[in-house]
PDB file of all heavy atoms in Angstrom:
ATOM      1  N   CYS A   1      21.789-109.139 150.440  1.00  0.00           N
ATOM      2  CA  CYS A   1      21.064-108.722 151.698  1.00  0.00           C
ATOM      3  C   CYS A   1      21.312-107.274 151.972  1.00  0.00           C
ATOM      4  O   CYS A   1      22.398-106.771 151.738  1.00  0.00           O
ATOM      5  CB  CYS A   1      21.402-109.579 152.949  1.00  0.00           C
ATOM      6  SG  CYS A   1      20.892-111.322 152.759  1.00  0.00           S
ATOM      7  N   LYS A   2      20.323-106.584 152.612  1.00  0.00           N
ATOM      8  CA  LYS A   2      20.461-105.164 152.988  1.00  0.00           C
ATOM      9  C   LYS A   2      21.454-105.019 154.191  1.00  0.00           C
ATOM     10  O   LYS A   2      22.075-103.956 154.285  1.00  0.00           O
ATOM     11  CB  LYS A   2      19.120-104.552 153.381  1.00  0.00           C
ATOM     12  CG  LYS A   2      18.257-104.405 152.210  1.00  0.00           C
ATOM     13  CD  LYS A   2      16.959-103.697 152.648  1.00  0.00           C
ATOM     14  CE  LYS A   2      15.999-103.570 151.439  1.00  0.00           C
ATOM     15  NZ  LYS A   2      14.714-102.887 151.893  1.00  0.00           N
ATOM     16  N   GLY A   3      21.593-106.031 154.984  1.00  0.00           N
ATOM     17  CA  GLY A   3      22.547-105.967 156.137  1.00  0.00           C
ATOM     18  C   GLY A   3      22.821-107.365 156.596  1.00  0.00           C
ATOM     19  O   GLY A   3      22.142-108.341 156.298  1.00  0.00           O
ATOM     20  N   ILE A   4      24.048-107.470 157.299  1.00  0.00           N
ATOM     21  CA  ILE A   4      24.429-108.660 157.907  1.00  0.00           C
ATOM     22  C   ILE A   4      24.748-108.388 159.389  1.00  0.00           C
ATOM     23  O   ILE A   4      25.404-107.432 159.637  1.00  0.00           O
ATOM     24  CB  ILE A   4      25.748-109.221 157.224  1.00  0.00           C
ATOM     25  CG1 ILE A   4      25.541-109.426 155.778  1.00  0.00           C
ATOM     26  CG2 ILE A   4      26.262-110.537 157.877  1.00  0.00           C
ATOM     27  CD1 ILE A   4      26.779-109.829 154.978  1.00  0.00           C
ATOM     28  N   VAL A   5      24.194-109.231 160.214  1.00  0.00           N
ATOM     29  CA  VAL A   5      24.493-109.201 161.628  1.00  0.00           C
ATOM     30  C   VAL A   5      25.557-110.263 162.004  1.00  0.00           C
ATOM     31  O   VAL A   5      25.356-111.483 161.771  1.00  0.00           O
ATOM     32  CB  VAL A   5      23.227-109.419 162.497  1.00  0.00           C
ATOM     33  CG1 VAL A   5      23.520-109.402 163.916  1.00  0.00           C
ATOM     34  CG2 VAL A   5      22.228-108.354 162.137  1.00  0.00           C
ATOM     35  N   PHE A   6      26.705-109.737 162.531  1.00  0.00           N
ATOM     36  CA  PHE A   6      27.754-110.708 162.936  1.00  0.00           C
ATOM     37  C   PHE A   6      27.697-110.762 164.495  1.00  0.00           C
ATOM     38  O   PHE A   6      27.852-109.831 165.212  1.00  0.00           O
ATOM     39  CB  PHE A   6      29.125-110.142 162.549  1.00  0.00           C
ATOM     40  CG  PHE A   6      29.368-110.193 161.048  1.00  0.00           C
ATOM     41  CD1 PHE A   6      29.198-109.072 160.282  1.00  0.00           C
ATOM     42  CD2 PHE A   6      29.745-111.377 160.491  1.00  0.00           C
ATOM     43  CE1 PHE A   6      29.340-109.138 158.884  1.00  0.00           C
ATOM     44  CE2 PHE A   6      29.929-111.470 159.124  1.00  0.00           C
ATOM     45  CZ  PHE A   6      29.708-110.328 158.345  1.00  0.00           C
ATOM     46  N   ASP A   7      27.229-111.961 164.985  1.00  0.00           N
ATOM     47  CA  ASP A   7      27.117-112.217 166.415  1.00  0.00           C
ATOM     48  C   ASP A   7      28.433-112.783 167.048  1.00  0.00           C
ATOM     49  O   ASP A   7      28.727-113.976 166.761  1.00  0.00           O
ATOM     50  CB  ASP A   7      25.967-113.135 166.652  1.00  0.00           C
ATOM     51  CG  ASP A   7      25.568-113.285 168.133  1.00  0.00           C
ATOM     52  OD1 ASP A   7      26.293-112.821 168.944  1.00  0.00           O
ATOM     53  OD2 ASP A   7      24.506-113.877 168.334  1.00  0.00           O
ATOM     54  N   LEU A   8      29.139-111.955 167.734  1.00  0.00           N
ATOM     55  CA  LEU A   8      30.434-112.373 168.373  1.00  0.00           C
ATOM     56  C   LEU A   8      30.242-112.709 169.871  1.00  0.00           C
ATOM     57  O   LEU A   8      31.272-112.951 170.551  1.00  0.00           O
ATOM     58  CB  LEU A   8      31.420-111.311 168.206  1.00  0.00           C
ATOM     59  CG  LEU A   8      31.781-111.047 166.774  1.00  0.00           C
ATOM     60  CD1 LEU A   8      32.695-109.772 166.664  1.00  0.00           C
ATOM     61  CD2 LEU A   8      32.519-112.204 166.209  1.00  0.00           C
ATOM     62  N   ARG A   9      28.980-112.854 170.328  1.00  0.00           N
ATOM     63  CA  ARG A   9      28.749-113.122 171.697  1.00  0.00           C
ATOM     64  C   ARG A   9      29.113-114.563 172.092  1.00  0.00           C
ATOM     65  O   ARG A   9      29.217-114.851 173.302  1.00  0.00           O
ATOM     66  CB  ARG A   9      27.266-112.846 172.065  1.00  0.00           C
ATOM     67  CG  ARG A   9      26.910-111.377 171.883  1.00  0.00           C
ATOM     68  CD  ARG A   9      25.472-111.158 172.140  1.00  0.00           C
ATOM     69  NE  ARG A   9      24.722-111.836 171.144  1.00  0.00           N
ATOM     70  CZ  ARG A   9      23.368-111.850 171.021  1.00  0.00           C
ATOM     71  NH1 ARG A   9      22.644-111.278 171.944  1.00  0.00           N
ATOM     72  NH2 ARG A   9      22.682-112.498 170.052  1.00  0.00           N
ATOM     73  N   HIS A  10      29.359-115.415 171.099  1.00  0.00           N
ATOM     74  CA  HIS A  10      29.768-116.817 171.403  1.00  0.00           C
ATOM     75  C   HIS A  10      31.091-117.124 170.705  1.00  0.00           C
ATOM     76  O   HIS A  10      31.370-118.215 170.366  1.00  0.00           O
ATOM     77  CB  HIS A  10      28.720-117.782 170.911  1.00  0.00           C
ATOM     78  CG  HIS A  10      27.365-117.572 171.530  1.00  0.00           C
ATOM     79  ND1 HIS A  10      27.151-117.910 172.857  1.00  0.00           N
ATOM     80  CD2 HIS A  10      26.205-117.005 171.146  1.00  0.00           C
ATOM     81  CE1 HIS A  10      25.873-117.568 173.183  1.00  0.00           C
ATOM     82  NE2 HIS A  10      25.285-117.003 172.128  1.00  0.00           N
ATOM     83  N   GLY A  11      31.848-116.160 170.568  1.00  0.00           N
ATOM     84  CA  GLY A  11      33.245-116.282 170.015  1.00  0.00           C
ATOM     85  C   GLY A  11      33.255-116.245 168.495  1.00  0.00           C
ATOM     86  O   GLY A  11      32.329-115.878 167.849  1.00  0.00           O
ATOM     87  N   SER A  12      34.392-116.643 168.011  1.00  0.00           N
ATOM     88  CA  SER A  12      34.633-116.738 166.592  1.00  0.00           C
ATOM     89  C   SER A  12      35.632-117.861 166.304  1.00  0.00           C
ATOM     90  O   SER A  12      36.499-118.178 167.122  1.00  0.00           O
ATOM     91  CB  SER A  12      35.302-115.373 166.146  1.00  0.00           C
ATOM     92  OG  SER A  12      35.642-115.403 164.815  1.00  0.00           O
ATOM     93  N   LYS A  13      35.449-118.503 165.211  1.00  0.00           N
ATOM     94  CA  LYS A  13      36.279-119.705 164.861  1.00  0.00           C
ATOM     95  C   LYS A  13      37.398-119.391 163.823  1.00  0.00           C
ATOM     96  O   LYS A  13      37.645-120.204 163.025  1.00  0.00           O
ATOM     97  CB  LYS A  13      35.356-120.692 164.230  1.00  0.00           C
ATOM     98  CG  LYS A  13      34.239-121.186 165.189  1.00  0.00           C
ATOM     99  CD  LYS A  13      34.495-122.616 165.445  1.00  0.00           C
ATOM    100  CE  LYS A  13      33.286-123.152 166.227  1.00  0.00           C
ATOM    101  NZ  LYS A  13      33.738-123.760 167.509  1.00  0.00           N
ATOM    102  N   GLY A  14      38.060-118.288 163.999  1.00  0.00           N
ATOM    103  CA  GLY A  14      39.174-117.891 163.159  1.00  0.00           C
ATOM    104  C   GLY A  14      38.830-117.570 161.651  1.00  0.00           C
ATOM    105  O   GLY A  14      39.533-117.705 160.754  1.00  0.00           O
ATOM    106  N   THR A  15      37.576-116.955 161.581  1.00  0.00           N
ATOM    107  CA  THR A  15      37.154-116.596 160.231  1.00  0.00           C
ATOM    108  C   THR A  15      37.321-115.086 159.933  1.00  0.00           C
ATOM    109  O   THR A  15      36.933-114.676 158.847  1.00  0.00           O
ATOM    110  CB  THR A  15      35.633-116.855 160.144  1.00  0.00           C
ATOM    111  OG1 THR A  15      34.903-116.219 161.201  1.00  0.00           O
ATOM    112  CG2 THR A  15      35.361-118.375 160.262  1.00  0.00           C
ATOM    113  N   LEU A  16      37.935-114.362 160.829  1.00  0.00           N
ATOM    114  CA  LEU A  16      38.048-112.902 160.715  1.00  0.00           C
ATOM    115  C   LEU A  16      38.524-112.468 159.333  1.00  0.00           C
ATOM    116  O   LEU A  16      37.843-111.732 158.606  1.00  0.00           O
ATOM    117  CB  LEU A  16      39.058-112.384 161.753  1.00  0.00           C
ATOM    118  CG  LEU A  16      39.661-111.060 161.567  1.00  0.00           C
ATOM    119  CD1 LEU A  16      38.529-110.012 161.668  1.00  0.00           C
ATOM    120  CD2 LEU A  16      40.676-110.749 162.632  1.00  0.00           C
ATOM    121  N   TYR A  17      39.665-112.864 158.877  1.00  0.00           N
ATOM    122  CA  TYR A  17      40.274-112.376 157.684  1.00  0.00           C
ATOM    123  C   TYR A  17      39.512-112.853 156.373  1.00  0.00           C
ATOM    124  O   TYR A  17      39.347-112.142 155.431  1.00  0.00           O
ATOM    125  CB  TYR A  17      41.749-112.672 157.505  1.00  0.00           C
ATOM    126  CG  TYR A  17      42.522-111.931 158.603  1.00  0.00           C
ATOM    127  CD1 TYR A  17      43.088-112.599 159.722  1.00  0.00           C
ATOM    128  CD2 TYR A  17      42.655-110.597 158.534  1.00  0.00           C
ATOM    129  CE1 TYR A  17      43.761-111.912 160.724  1.00  0.00           C
ATOM    130  CE2 TYR A  17      43.392-109.920 159.495  1.00  0.00           C
ATOM    131  CZ  TYR A  17      43.905-110.544 160.581  1.00  0.00           C
ATOM    132  OH  TYR A  17      44.536-109.813 161.635  1.00  0.00           O
ATOM    133  N   ALA A  18      38.983-114.032 156.416  1.00  0.00           N
ATOM    134  CA  ALA A  18      38.146-114.631 155.358  1.00  0.00           C
ATOM    135  C   ALA A  18      36.905-113.779 155.139  1.00  0.00           C
ATOM    136  O   ALA A  18      36.477-113.502 154.032  1.00  0.00           O
ATOM    137  CB  ALA A  18      37.880-116.006 155.548  1.00  0.00           C
ATOM    138  N   VAL A  19      36.304-113.387 156.274  1.00  0.00           N
ATOM    139  CA  VAL A  19      35.006-112.615 156.241  1.00  0.00           C
ATOM    140  C   VAL A  19      35.330-111.188 155.753  1.00  0.00           C
ATOM    141  O   VAL A  19      34.675-110.638 154.888  1.00  0.00           O
ATOM    142  CB  VAL A  19      34.351-112.577 157.615  1.00  0.00           C
ATOM    143  CG1 VAL A  19      33.181-111.530 157.663  1.00  0.00           C
ATOM    144  CG2 VAL A  19      33.762-114.015 157.894  1.00  0.00           C
ATOM    145  N   VAL A  20      36.250-110.543 156.433  1.00  0.00           N
ATOM    146  CA  VAL A  20      36.441-109.077 156.047  1.00  0.00           C
ATOM    147  C   VAL A  20      37.002-108.884 154.663  1.00  0.00           C
ATOM    148  O   VAL A  20      36.855-107.826 154.056  1.00  0.00           O
ATOM    149  CB  VAL A  20      37.361-108.328 157.058  1.00  0.00           C
ATOM    150  CG1 VAL A  20      36.665-108.218 158.436  1.00  0.00           C
ATOM    151  CG2 VAL A  20      38.730-108.894 157.177  1.00  0.00           C
ATOM    152  N   ASP A  21      37.634-109.949 154.011  1.00  0.00           N
ATOM    153  CA  ASP A  21      38.032-109.767 152.650  1.00  0.00           C
ATOM    154  C   ASP A  21      36.813-109.500 151.762  1.00  0.00           C
ATOM    155  O   ASP A  21      36.921-108.988 150.710  1.00  0.00           O
ATOM    156  CB  ASP A  21      38.721-111.077 152.187  1.00  0.00           C
ATOM    157  CG  ASP A  21      40.207-111.138 152.707  1.00  0.00           C
ATOM    158  OD1 ASP A  21      40.739-110.065 153.256  1.00  0.00           O
ATOM    159  OD2 ASP A  21      40.797-112.166 152.549  1.00  0.00           O
ATOM    160  N   HIS A  22      35.603-109.959 152.215  1.00  0.00           N
ATOM    161  CA  HIS A  22      34.371-109.717 151.431  1.00  0.00           C
ATOM    162  C   HIS A  22      33.766-108.384 151.743  1.00  0.00           C
ATOM    163  O   HIS A  22      32.814-107.875 151.099  1.00  0.00           O
ATOM    164  CB  HIS A  22      33.282-110.778 151.820  1.00  0.00           C
ATOM    165  CG  HIS A  22      33.757-112.158 151.283  1.00  0.00           C
ATOM    166  ND1 HIS A  22      33.461-112.616 150.022  1.00  0.00           N
ATOM    167  CD2 HIS A  22      34.457-113.182 151.830  1.00  0.00           C
ATOM    168  CE1 HIS A  22      33.902-113.759 149.844  1.00  0.00           C
ATOM    169  NE2 HIS A  22      34.515-114.182 150.910  1.00  0.00           N
ATOM    170  N   LEU A  23      34.250-107.641 152.787  1.00  0.00           N
ATOM    171  CA  LEU A  23      33.598-106.473 153.279  1.00  0.00           C
ATOM    172  C   LEU A  23      34.335-105.151 152.987  1.00  0.00           C
ATOM    173  O   LEU A  23      33.748-104.088 152.940  1.00  0.00           O
ATOM    174  CB  LEU A  23      33.435-106.527 154.804  1.00  0.00           C
ATOM    175  CG  LEU A  23      32.576-107.725 155.264  1.00  0.00           C
ATOM    176  CD1 LEU A  23      32.554-107.696 156.831  1.00  0.00           C
ATOM    177  CD2 LEU A  23      31.154-107.773 154.744  1.00  0.00           C
ATOM    178  N   HIS A  24      35.625-105.237 152.785  1.00  0.00           N
ATOM    179  CA  HIS A  24      36.496-104.029 152.500  1.00  0.00           C
ATOM    180  C   HIS A  24      36.754-103.903 151.124  1.00  0.00           C
ATOM    181  O   HIS A  24      36.955-104.932 150.372  1.00  0.00           O
ATOM    182  CB  HIS A  24      37.762-104.161 153.334  1.00  0.00           C
ATOM    183  CG  HIS A  24      37.658-103.746 154.760  1.00  0.00           C
ATOM    184  ND1 HIS A  24      37.500-102.417 155.146  1.00  0.00           N
ATOM    185  CD2 HIS A  24      37.700-104.493 155.851  1.00  0.00           C
ATOM    186  CE1 HIS A  24      37.436-102.400 156.496  1.00  0.00           C
ATOM    187  NE2 HIS A  24      37.514-103.587 156.888  1.00  0.00           N
ATOM    188  N   THR A  25      36.826-102.664 150.609  1.00  0.00           N
ATOM    189  CA  THR A  25      37.186-102.451 149.246  1.00  0.00           C
ATOM    190  C   THR A  25      38.736-102.344 149.076  1.00  0.00           C
ATOM    191  O   THR A  25      39.308-102.508 148.006  1.00  0.00           O
ATOM    192  CB  THR A  25      36.648-101.099 148.748  1.00  0.00           C
ATOM    193  OG1 THR A  25      37.029-100.031 149.549  1.00  0.00           O
ATOM    194  CG2 THR A  25      35.072-101.227 148.572  1.00  0.00           C
ATOM    195  N   GLU A  26      39.421-102.128 150.253  1.00  0.00           N
ATOM    196  CA  GLU A  26      40.907-102.085 150.202  1.00  0.00           C
ATOM    197  C   GLU A  26      41.432-102.371 151.647  1.00  0.00           C
ATOM    198  O   GLU A  26      40.680-102.225 152.574  1.00  0.00           O
ATOM    199  CB  GLU A  26      41.470-100.830 149.603  1.00  0.00           C
ATOM    200  CG  GLU A  26      40.985 -99.549 150.209  1.00  0.00           C
ATOM    201  CD  GLU A  26      41.509 -98.367 149.419  1.00  0.00           C
ATOM    202  OE1 GLU A  26      41.028 -98.085 148.320  1.00  0.00           O
ATOM    203  OE2 GLU A  26      42.477 -97.728 149.844  1.00  0.00           O
ATOM    204  N   PRO A  27      42.697-102.720 151.761  1.00  0.00           N
ATOM    205  CA  PRO A  27      43.252-102.966 153.101  1.00  0.00           C
ATOM    206  C   PRO A  27      43.092-101.758 153.977  1.00  0.00           C
ATOM    207  O   PRO A  27      43.296-100.650 153.594  1.00  0.00           O
ATOM    208  CB  PRO A  27      44.737-103.191 152.823  1.00  0.00           C
ATOM    209  CG  PRO A  27      44.809-103.639 151.339  1.00  0.00           C
ATOM    210  CD  PRO A  27      43.684-102.933 150.671  1.00  0.00           C
ATOM    211  N   THR A  28      42.601-102.117 155.211  1.00  0.00           N
ATOM    212  CA  THR A  28      42.293-100.996 156.180  1.00  0.00           C
ATOM    213  C   THR A  28      42.965-101.279 157.576  1.00  0.00           C
ATOM    214  O   THR A  28      42.825-102.396 158.085  1.00  0.00           O
ATOM    215  CB  THR A  28      40.759-100.968 156.367  1.00  0.00           C
ATOM    216  OG1 THR A  28      40.161-100.797 155.088  1.00  0.00           O
ATOM    217  CG2 THR A  28      40.412 -99.838 157.289  1.00  0.00           C
ATOM    218  N   PRO A  29      43.714-100.316 158.084  1.00  0.00           N
ATOM    219  CA  PRO A  29      44.214-100.511 159.451  1.00  0.00           C
ATOM    220  C   PRO A  29      43.139-100.503 160.487  1.00  0.00           C
ATOM    221  O   PRO A  29      42.137 -99.709 160.311  1.00  0.00           O
ATOM    222  CB  PRO A  29      45.150 -99.309 159.638  1.00  0.00           C
ATOM    223  CG  PRO A  29      44.822 -98.328 158.508  1.00  0.00           C
ATOM    224  CD  PRO A  29      44.051 -99.090 157.468  1.00  0.00           C
ATOM    225  N   PHE A  30      43.177-101.342 161.529  1.00  0.00           N
ATOM    226  CA  PHE A  30      42.193-101.322 162.486  1.00  0.00           C
ATOM    227  C   PHE A  30      42.613-101.396 163.914  1.00  0.00           C
ATOM    228  O   PHE A  30      41.835-101.278 164.809  1.00  0.00           O
ATOM    229  CB  PHE A  30      41.207-102.475 162.228  1.00  0.00           C
ATOM    230  CG  PHE A  30      41.659-103.824 162.535  1.00  0.00           C
ATOM    231  CD1 PHE A  30      41.409-104.479 163.670  1.00  0.00           C
ATOM    232  CD2 PHE A  30      42.506-104.500 161.630  1.00  0.00           C
ATOM    233  CE1 PHE A  30      41.932-105.781 163.954  1.00  0.00           C
ATOM    234  CE2 PHE A  30      42.950-105.850 161.841  1.00  0.00           C
ATOM    235  CZ  PHE A  30      42.685-106.379 163.049  1.00  0.00           C
ATOM    236  N   ALA A  31      43.866-101.702 164.132  1.00  0.00           N
ATOM    237  CA  ALA A  31      44.337-101.840 165.502  1.00  0.00           C
ATOM    238  C   ALA A  31      45.846-101.429 165.605  1.00  0.00           C
ATOM    239  O   ALA A  31      46.653-101.715 164.746  1.00  0.00           O
ATOM    240  CB  ALA A  31      44.258-103.233 166.036  1.00  0.00           C
ATOM    241  N   TYR A  32      46.125-100.588 166.608  1.00  0.00           N
ATOM    242  CA  TYR A  32      47.507-100.235 166.876  1.00  0.00           C
ATOM    243  C   TYR A  32      47.882-100.689 168.239  1.00  0.00           C
ATOM    244  O   TYR A  32      47.169-100.722 169.110  1.00  0.00           O
ATOM    245  CB  TYR A  32      47.680 -98.689 166.791  1.00  0.00           C
ATOM    246  CG  TYR A  32      47.343 -98.028 165.436  1.00  0.00           C
ATOM    247  CD1 TYR A  32      46.071 -97.643 165.185  1.00  0.00           C
ATOM    248  CD2 TYR A  32      48.290 -97.929 164.490  1.00  0.00           C
ATOM    249  CE1 TYR A  32      45.721 -97.124 163.976  1.00  0.00           C
ATOM    250  CE2 TYR A  32      47.966 -97.482 163.252  1.00  0.00           C
ATOM    251  CZ  TYR A  32      46.693 -97.029 162.997  1.00  0.00           C
ATOM    252  OH  TYR A  32      46.310 -96.432 161.762  1.00  0.00           O
ATOM    253  N   ALA A  33      49.202-101.000 168.374  1.00  0.00           N
ATOM    254  CA  ALA A  33      49.674-101.422 169.717  1.00  0.00           C
ATOM    255  C   ALA A  33      50.630-100.277 170.147  1.00  0.00           C
ATOM    256  O   ALA A  33      51.534 -99.846 169.390  1.00  0.00           O
ATOM    257  CB  ALA A  33      50.407-102.759 169.698  1.00  0.00           C
ATOM    258  N   VAL A  34      50.545 -99.811 171.356  1.00  0.00           N
ATOM    259  CA  VAL A  34      51.579 -98.866 171.937  1.00  0.00           C
ATOM    260  C   VAL A  34      52.398 -99.675 172.880  1.00  0.00           C
ATOM    261  O   VAL A  34      51.839-100.234 173.888  1.00  0.00           O
ATOM    262  CB  VAL A  34      50.812 -97.747 172.611  1.00  0.00           C
ATOM    263  CG1 VAL A  34      51.835 -96.723 173.200  1.00  0.00           C
ATOM    264  CG2 VAL A  34      49.960 -96.952 171.624  1.00  0.00           C
ATOM    265  N   LEU A  35      53.760 -99.695 172.733  1.00  0.00           N
ATOM    266  CA  LEU A  35      54.606-100.513 173.488  1.00  0.00           C
ATOM    267  C   LEU A  35      55.661 -99.658 174.189  1.00  0.00           C
ATOM    268  O   LEU A  35      56.038 -98.659 173.647  1.00  0.00           O
ATOM    269  CB  LEU A  35      55.300-101.567 172.608  1.00  0.00           C
ATOM    270  CG  LEU A  35      54.356-102.479 171.848  1.00  0.00           C
ATOM    271  CD1 LEU A  35      55.084-103.304 170.850  1.00  0.00           C
ATOM    272  CD2 LEU A  35      53.563-103.355 172.798  1.00  0.00           C
ATOM    273  N   PRO A  36      56.106-100.098 175.380  1.00  0.00           N
ATOM    274  CA  PRO A  36      57.139 -99.273 176.043  1.00  0.00           C
ATOM    275  C   PRO A  36      58.545 -99.474 175.410  1.00  0.00           C
ATOM    276  O   PRO A  36      58.827-100.558 174.909  1.00  0.00           O
ATOM    277  CB  PRO A  36      57.113 -99.927 177.472  1.00  0.00           C
ATOM    278  CG  PRO A  36      56.639-101.246 177.222  1.00  0.00           C
ATOM    279  CD  PRO A  36      55.680-101.273 176.109  1.00  0.00           C
ATOM    280  N   ASP A  37      59.289 -98.436 175.485  1.00  0.00           N
ATOM    281  CA  ASP A  37      60.692 -98.469 174.997  1.00  0.00           C
ATOM    282  C   ASP A  37      61.521 -98.766 176.253  1.00  0.00           C
ATOM    283  O   ASP A  37      61.691 -97.817 177.105  1.00  0.00           O
ATOM    284  CB  ASP A  37      61.060 -97.261 174.363  1.00  0.00           C
ATOM    285  CG  ASP A  37      62.525 -97.188 173.868  1.00  0.00           C
ATOM    286  OD1 ASP A  37      63.332 -98.107 174.265  1.00  0.00           O
ATOM    287  OD2 ASP A  37      62.905 -96.310 173.045  1.00  0.00           O
ATOM    288  N   PHE A  38      61.984 -99.933 176.500  1.00  0.00           N
ATOM    289  CA  PHE A  38      62.719-100.339 177.713  1.00  0.00           C
ATOM    290  C   PHE A  38      64.080 -99.699 177.843  1.00  0.00           C
ATOM    291  O   PHE A  38      64.667 -99.726 178.930  1.00  0.00           O
ATOM    292  CB  PHE A  38      62.826-101.862 177.835  1.00  0.00           C
ATOM    293  CG  PHE A  38      61.511-102.524 178.089  1.00  0.00           C
ATOM    294  CD1 PHE A  38      60.917-103.295 177.074  1.00  0.00           C
ATOM    295  CD2 PHE A  38      60.806-102.315 179.245  1.00  0.00           C
ATOM    296  CE1 PHE A  38      59.690-103.921 177.178  1.00  0.00           C
ATOM    297  CE2 PHE A  38      59.615-102.989 179.462  1.00  0.00           C
ATOM    298  CZ  PHE A  38      58.995-103.794 178.441  1.00  0.00           C
ATOM    299  N   THR A  39      64.611 -99.080 176.801  1.00  0.00           N
ATOM    300  CA  THR A  39      65.856 -98.451 176.849  1.00  0.00           C
ATOM    301  C   THR A  39      65.740 -96.912 177.333  1.00  0.00           C
ATOM    302  O   THR A  39      66.699 -96.301 177.709  1.00  0.00           O
ATOM    303  CB  THR A  39      66.555 -98.347 175.513  1.00  0.00           C
ATOM    304  OG1 THR A  39      65.750 -97.576 174.607  1.00  0.00           O
ATOM    305  CG2 THR A  39      66.732 -99.802 174.961  1.00  0.00           C
ATOM    306  N   TYR A  40      64.414 -96.451 177.457  1.00  0.00           N
ATOM    307  CA  TYR A  40      64.221 -95.113 177.843  1.00  0.00           C
ATOM    308  C   TYR A  40      62.873 -95.040 178.641  1.00  0.00           C
ATOM    309  O   TYR A  40      61.830 -95.008 178.002  1.00  0.00           O
ATOM    310  CB  TYR A  40      64.082 -94.180 176.538  1.00  0.00           C
ATOM    311  CG  TYR A  40      64.129 -92.727 176.883  1.00  0.00           C
ATOM    312  CD1 TYR A  40      65.369 -92.041 176.866  1.00  0.00           C
ATOM    313  CD2 TYR A  40      62.975 -91.995 177.099  1.00  0.00           C
ATOM    314  CE1 TYR A  40      65.375 -90.700 177.152  1.00  0.00           C
ATOM    315  CE2 TYR A  40      63.007 -90.652 177.326  1.00  0.00           C
ATOM    316  CZ  TYR A  40      64.199 -89.984 177.366  1.00  0.00           C
ATOM    317  OH  TYR A  40      64.317 -88.631 177.608  1.00  0.00           O
ATOM    318  N   PRO A  41      62.990 -95.110 179.951  1.00  0.00           N
ATOM    319  CA  PRO A  41      61.749 -95.146 180.755  1.00  0.00           C
ATOM    320  C   PRO A  41      60.823 -93.958 180.502  1.00  0.00           C
ATOM    321  O   PRO A  41      61.226 -92.821 180.337  1.00  0.00           O
ATOM    322  CB  PRO A  41      62.284 -94.993 182.224  1.00  0.00           C
ATOM    323  CG  PRO A  41      63.710 -95.550 182.154  1.00  0.00           C
ATOM    324  CD  PRO A  41      64.178 -95.163 180.740  1.00  0.00           C
ATOM    325  N   GLY A  42      59.553 -94.301 180.387  1.00  0.00           N
ATOM    326  CA  GLY A  42      58.541 -93.292 180.120  1.00  0.00           C
ATOM    327  C   GLY A  42      58.283 -93.017 178.620  1.00  0.00           C
ATOM    328  O   GLY A  42      57.346 -92.327 178.204  1.00  0.00           O
ATOM    329  N   LYS A  43      59.109 -93.669 177.802  1.00  0.00           N
ATOM    330  CA  LYS A  43      58.899 -93.523 176.318  1.00  0.00           C
ATOM    331  C   LYS A  43      58.151 -94.700 175.742  1.00  0.00           C
ATOM    332  O   LYS A  43      58.369 -95.824 176.127  1.00  0.00           O
ATOM    333  CB  LYS A  43      60.284 -93.372 175.656  1.00  0.00           C
ATOM    334  CG  LYS A  43      60.178 -93.104 174.160  1.00  0.00           C
ATOM    335  CD  LYS A  43      61.576 -92.916 173.535  1.00  0.00           C
ATOM    336  CE  LYS A  43      61.534 -92.662 172.083  1.00  0.00           C
ATOM    337  NZ  LYS A  43      62.834 -92.635 171.477  1.00  0.00           N
ATOM    338  N   PHE A  44      57.316 -94.401 174.806  1.00  0.00           N
ATOM    339  CA  PHE A  44      56.504 -95.523 174.161  1.00  0.00           C
ATOM    340  C   PHE A  44      56.586 -95.266 172.675  1.00  0.00           C
ATOM    341  O   PHE A  44      56.888 -94.223 172.202  1.00  0.00           O
ATOM    342  CB  PHE A  44      55.056 -95.363 174.632  1.00  0.00           C
ATOM    343  CG  PHE A  44      54.831 -95.667 176.117  1.00  0.00           C
ATOM    344  CD1 PHE A  44      54.970 -94.624 176.992  1.00  0.00           C
ATOM    345  CD2 PHE A  44      54.541 -96.916 176.500  1.00  0.00           C
ATOM    346  CE1 PHE A  44      54.802 -94.875 178.323  1.00  0.00           C
ATOM    347  CE2 PHE A  44      54.382 -97.287 177.825  1.00  0.00           C
ATOM    348  CZ  PHE A  44      54.494 -96.248 178.760  1.00  0.00           C
ATOM    349  N   TYR A  45      56.302 -96.321 171.907  1.00  0.00           N
ATOM    350  CA  TYR A  45      56.262 -96.231 170.503  1.00  0.00           C
ATOM    351  C   TYR A  45      55.135 -97.043 169.934  1.00  0.00           C
ATOM    352  O   TYR A  45      54.645 -97.981 170.639  1.00  0.00           O
ATOM    353  CB  TYR A  45      57.631 -96.735 169.845  1.00  0.00           C
ATOM    354  CG  TYR A  45      57.908 -98.223 170.063  1.00  0.00           C
ATOM    355  CD1 TYR A  45      57.541 -99.118 169.143  1.00  0.00           C
ATOM    356  CD2 TYR A  45      58.539 -98.614 171.209  1.00  0.00           C
ATOM    357  CE1 TYR A  45      57.772-100.476 169.321  1.00  0.00           C
ATOM    358  CE2 TYR A  45      58.815-100.066 171.429  1.00  0.00           C
ATOM    359  CZ  TYR A  45      58.473-100.860 170.429  1.00  0.00           C
ATOM    360  OH  TYR A  45      58.722-102.184 170.587  1.00  0.00           O
ATOM    361  N   ARG A  46      54.597 -96.589 168.833  1.00  0.00           N
ATOM    362  CA  ARG A  46      53.497 -97.247 168.221  1.00  0.00           C
ATOM    363  C   ARG A  46      54.002 -98.307 167.247  1.00  0.00           C
ATOM    364  O   ARG A  46      54.824 -98.062 166.402  1.00  0.00           O
ATOM    365  CB  ARG A  46      52.584 -96.211 167.454  1.00  0.00           C
ATOM    366  CG  ARG A  46      51.358 -96.848 166.778  1.00  0.00           C
ATOM    367  CD  ARG A  46      50.649 -95.922 165.906  1.00  0.00           C
ATOM    368  NE  ARG A  46      49.930 -94.971 166.698  1.00  0.00           N
ATOM    369  CZ  ARG A  46      49.052 -94.108 166.198  1.00  0.00           C
ATOM    370  NH1 ARG A  46      48.887 -94.022 164.908  1.00  0.00           N
ATOM    371  NH2 ARG A  46      48.395 -93.330 167.074  1.00  0.00           N
TER     372      ARG A  46
END
């Protein structure tokens, strides 16, 4: 097909990794979390 529409308006059934394995040519970072360092107020780490 020329394109695929993924409709997430009604949720997802845990198919994320199975689907994207068909879409990426290699592993790709997509989300980072920034967390506080509780030993040093005001400091965060990725």
